[in-house]
Amino acid sequence: MHVTRKGQVTIPQKVRESMGIIPAETEVDFLQDEQGRWYLSKPNLAKKKSVVSGPYIKAQN
């Protein structure tokens, strides 16, 4: 996935559809677990401490 100079990425259509993300309407959060893995989550799921499973981005130090 390419990151723009502004730090933006495009969420693939398949992921947006699977998560119910509607462009210009849906907010998302990034959550990090104890092992340093990052997950994309919708805020209403984050409040329930649920995250979307699947590929993750490993934090690089």
N, C-alpha and C. Protein backbone atom coordinates (compact mmCIF):
# COMPACT_ATOMS: atom_id res chain seq x y z
N MET A 1 0.85 -1.16 0.00
CA MET A 1 0.00 0.00 0.00
C MET A 1 0.90 1.23 0.00
N HIS A 2 0.61 2.18 -0.85
CA HIS A 2 1.39 3.40 -1.00
C HIS A 2 0.88 4.47 -0.02
N VAL A 3 1.80 5.17 0.61
CA VAL A 3 1.47 6.29 1.50
C VAL A 3 1.82 7.58 0.76
N THR A 4 0.87 8.50 0.66
CA THR A 4 1.12 9.77 -0.03
C THR A 4 2.00 10.67 0.83
N ARG A 5 2.45 11.76 0.23
CA ARG A 5 3.26 12.74 0.98
C ARG A 5 2.49 13.34 2.15
N LYS A 6 1.18 13.32 2.07
CA LYS A 6 0.34 13.83 3.16
C LYS A 6 0.06 12.76 4.21
N GLY A 7 0.62 11.56 4.04
CA GLY A 7 0.41 10.48 4.99
C GLY A 7 -0.89 9.73 4.79
N GLN A 8 -1.47 9.84 3.61
CA GLN A 8 -2.75 9.20 3.33
C GLN A 8 -2.56 7.88 2.59
N VAL A 9 -3.48 6.96 2.84
CA VAL A 9 -3.52 5.70 2.11
C VAL A 9 -4.96 5.48 1.63
N THR A 10 -5.11 4.68 0.60
CA THR A 10 -6.43 4.32 0.11
C THR A 10 -6.80 2.96 0.68
N ILE A 11 -7.95 2.91 1.36
CA ILE A 11 -8.44 1.63 1.88
C ILE A 11 -9.05 0.89 0.69
N PRO A 12 -8.58 -0.32 0.40
CA PRO A 12 -9.10 -1.05 -0.76
C PRO A 12 -10.62 -1.23 -0.70
N GLN A 13 -11.25 -1.21 -1.88
CA GLN A 13 -12.70 -1.32 -1.97
C GLN A 13 -13.23 -2.55 -1.26
N LYS A 14 -12.57 -3.69 -1.40
CA LYS A 14 -13.03 -4.92 -0.76
C LYS A 14 -13.07 -4.76 0.76
N VAL A 15 -12.07 -4.08 1.33
CA VAL A 15 -12.02 -3.85 2.78
C VAL A 15 -13.13 -2.88 3.18
N ARG A 16 -13.30 -1.78 2.41
CA ARG A 16 -14.36 -0.81 2.71
C ARG A 16 -15.72 -1.48 2.71
N GLU A 17 -15.99 -2.30 1.71
CA GLU A 17 -17.28 -2.98 1.62
C GLU A 17 -17.47 -3.95 2.78
N SER A 18 -16.44 -4.71 3.10
CA SER A 18 -16.51 -5.69 4.18
C SER A 18 -16.77 -5.04 5.53
N MET A 19 -16.18 -3.86 5.74
CA MET A 19 -16.32 -3.16 7.02
C MET A 19 -17.49 -2.19 7.05
N GLY A 20 -18.14 -1.99 5.91
CA GLY A 20 -19.25 -1.03 5.84
C GLY A 20 -18.78 0.41 5.90
N ILE A 21 -17.60 0.67 5.36
CA ILE A 21 -17.05 2.03 5.36
C ILE A 21 -17.61 2.77 4.15
N ILE A 22 -18.25 3.91 4.43
CA ILE A 22 -18.84 4.73 3.38
C ILE A 22 -17.99 6.00 3.26
N PRO A 23 -17.37 6.23 2.08
CA PRO A 23 -16.54 7.42 1.91
C PRO A 23 -17.28 8.70 2.29
N ALA A 24 -16.58 9.59 2.98
CA ALA A 24 -17.07 10.90 3.44
C ALA A 24 -18.12 10.78 4.55
N GLU A 25 -18.44 9.57 5.01
CA GLU A 25 -19.43 9.40 6.08
C GLU A 25 -18.90 8.63 7.28
N THR A 26 -17.99 7.69 7.05
CA THR A 26 -17.54 6.79 8.10
C THR A 26 -16.20 7.22 8.66
N GLU A 27 -16.07 7.20 9.99
CA GLU A 27 -14.78 7.46 10.63
C GLU A 27 -14.16 6.12 10.99
N VAL A 28 -12.82 6.08 11.00
CA VAL A 28 -12.11 4.87 11.41
C VAL A 28 -11.05 5.24 12.43
N ASP A 29 -10.65 4.25 13.22
CA ASP A 29 -9.59 4.41 14.21
C ASP A 29 -8.50 3.39 13.91
N PHE A 30 -7.31 3.66 14.40
CA PHE A 30 -6.23 2.70 14.37
C PHE A 30 -5.95 2.31 15.81
N LEU A 31 -5.99 1.02 16.09
CA LEU A 31 -5.76 0.51 17.44
C LEU A 31 -4.50 -0.34 17.44
N GLN A 32 -3.71 -0.23 18.52
CA GLN A 32 -2.49 -1.02 18.64
C GLN A 32 -2.63 -2.00 19.79
N ASP A 33 -2.25 -3.27 19.54
CA ASP A 33 -2.32 -4.26 20.61
C ASP A 33 -1.00 -4.33 21.37
N GLU A 34 -0.95 -5.21 22.36
CA GLU A 34 0.21 -5.32 23.24
C GLU A 34 1.47 -5.76 22.50
N GLN A 35 1.31 -6.44 21.36
CA GLN A 35 2.46 -6.91 20.59
C GLN A 35 2.93 -5.88 19.55
N GLY A 36 2.30 -4.72 19.52
CA GLY A 36 2.70 -3.67 18.59
C GLY A 36 2.01 -3.73 17.24
N ARG A 37 1.04 -4.65 17.07
CA ARG A 37 0.31 -4.75 15.80
C ARG A 37 -0.77 -3.68 15.76
N TRP A 38 -1.00 -3.15 14.57
CA TRP A 38 -2.02 -2.12 14.37
C TRP A 38 -3.22 -2.70 13.64
N TYR A 39 -4.41 -2.25 14.02
CA TYR A 39 -5.66 -2.70 13.42
C TYR A 39 -6.50 -1.49 13.03
N LEU A 40 -7.21 -1.62 11.93
CA LEU A 40 -8.17 -0.62 11.50
C LEU A 40 -9.51 -0.98 12.11
N SER A 41 -10.17 -0.01 12.73
CA SER A 41 -11.43 -0.28 13.41
C SER A 41 -12.39 0.89 13.22
N LYS A 42 -13.68 0.59 13.19
CA LYS A 42 -14.68 1.65 13.21
C LYS A 42 -14.87 2.04 14.68
N PRO A 43 -15.04 3.33 14.99
CA PRO A 43 -15.14 3.76 16.38
C PRO A 43 -16.19 3.03 17.21
N ASN A 44 -17.35 2.70 16.64
CA ASN A 44 -18.37 2.00 17.42
C ASN A 44 -17.89 0.61 17.82
N LEU A 45 -17.03 -0.01 17.02
CA LEU A 45 -16.46 -1.30 17.39
C LEU A 45 -15.37 -1.13 18.45
N ALA A 46 -14.63 -0.05 18.37
CA ALA A 46 -13.55 0.19 19.33
C ALA A 46 -14.11 0.35 20.74
N LYS A 47 -15.27 0.97 20.87
CA LYS A 47 -15.87 1.15 22.18
C LYS A 47 -16.22 -0.19 22.83
N LYS A 48 -16.51 -1.19 22.00
CA LYS A 48 -16.83 -2.53 22.50
C LYS A 48 -15.58 -3.38 22.63
N LYS A 49 -14.41 -2.78 22.35
CA LYS A 49 -13.12 -3.47 22.40
C LYS A 49 -13.04 -4.60 21.39
N SER A 50 -13.74 -4.43 20.27
CA SER A 50 -13.66 -5.39 19.17
C SER A 50 -12.82 -4.76 18.07
N VAL A 51 -12.04 -5.56 17.42
CA VAL A 51 -11.27 -5.06 16.29
C VAL A 51 -11.51 -5.97 15.10
N VAL A 52 -11.22 -5.46 13.95
CA VAL A 52 -11.37 -6.23 12.73
C VAL A 52 -10.17 -7.14 12.60
N SER A 53 -10.41 -8.41 12.38
CA SER A 53 -9.30 -9.33 12.22
C SER A 53 -8.82 -9.32 10.78
N GLY A 54 -7.61 -9.74 10.61
CA GLY A 54 -7.05 -9.81 9.27
C GLY A 54 -5.62 -9.35 9.27
N PRO A 55 -5.09 -9.05 8.10
CA PRO A 55 -3.70 -8.61 8.02
C PRO A 55 -3.47 -7.37 8.88
N TYR A 56 -2.29 -7.25 9.39
CA TYR A 56 -1.98 -6.13 10.26
C TYR A 56 -0.70 -5.46 9.81
N ILE A 57 -0.51 -4.26 10.31
CA ILE A 57 0.70 -3.50 10.03
C ILE A 57 1.57 -3.57 11.27
N LYS A 58 2.75 -4.08 11.16
CA LYS A 58 3.67 -4.19 12.29
C LYS A 58 4.36 -2.85 12.47
N ALA A 59 4.36 -2.35 13.69
CA ALA A 59 5.03 -1.09 13.99
C ALA A 59 6.53 -1.24 13.79
N GLN A 60 7.12 -0.27 13.15
CA GLN A 60 8.57 -0.27 12.93
C GLN A 60 9.19 0.79 13.83
N ASN A 61 10.15 0.40 14.65
CA ASN A 61 10.83 1.37 15.51
C ASN A 61 12.16 1.75 14.93
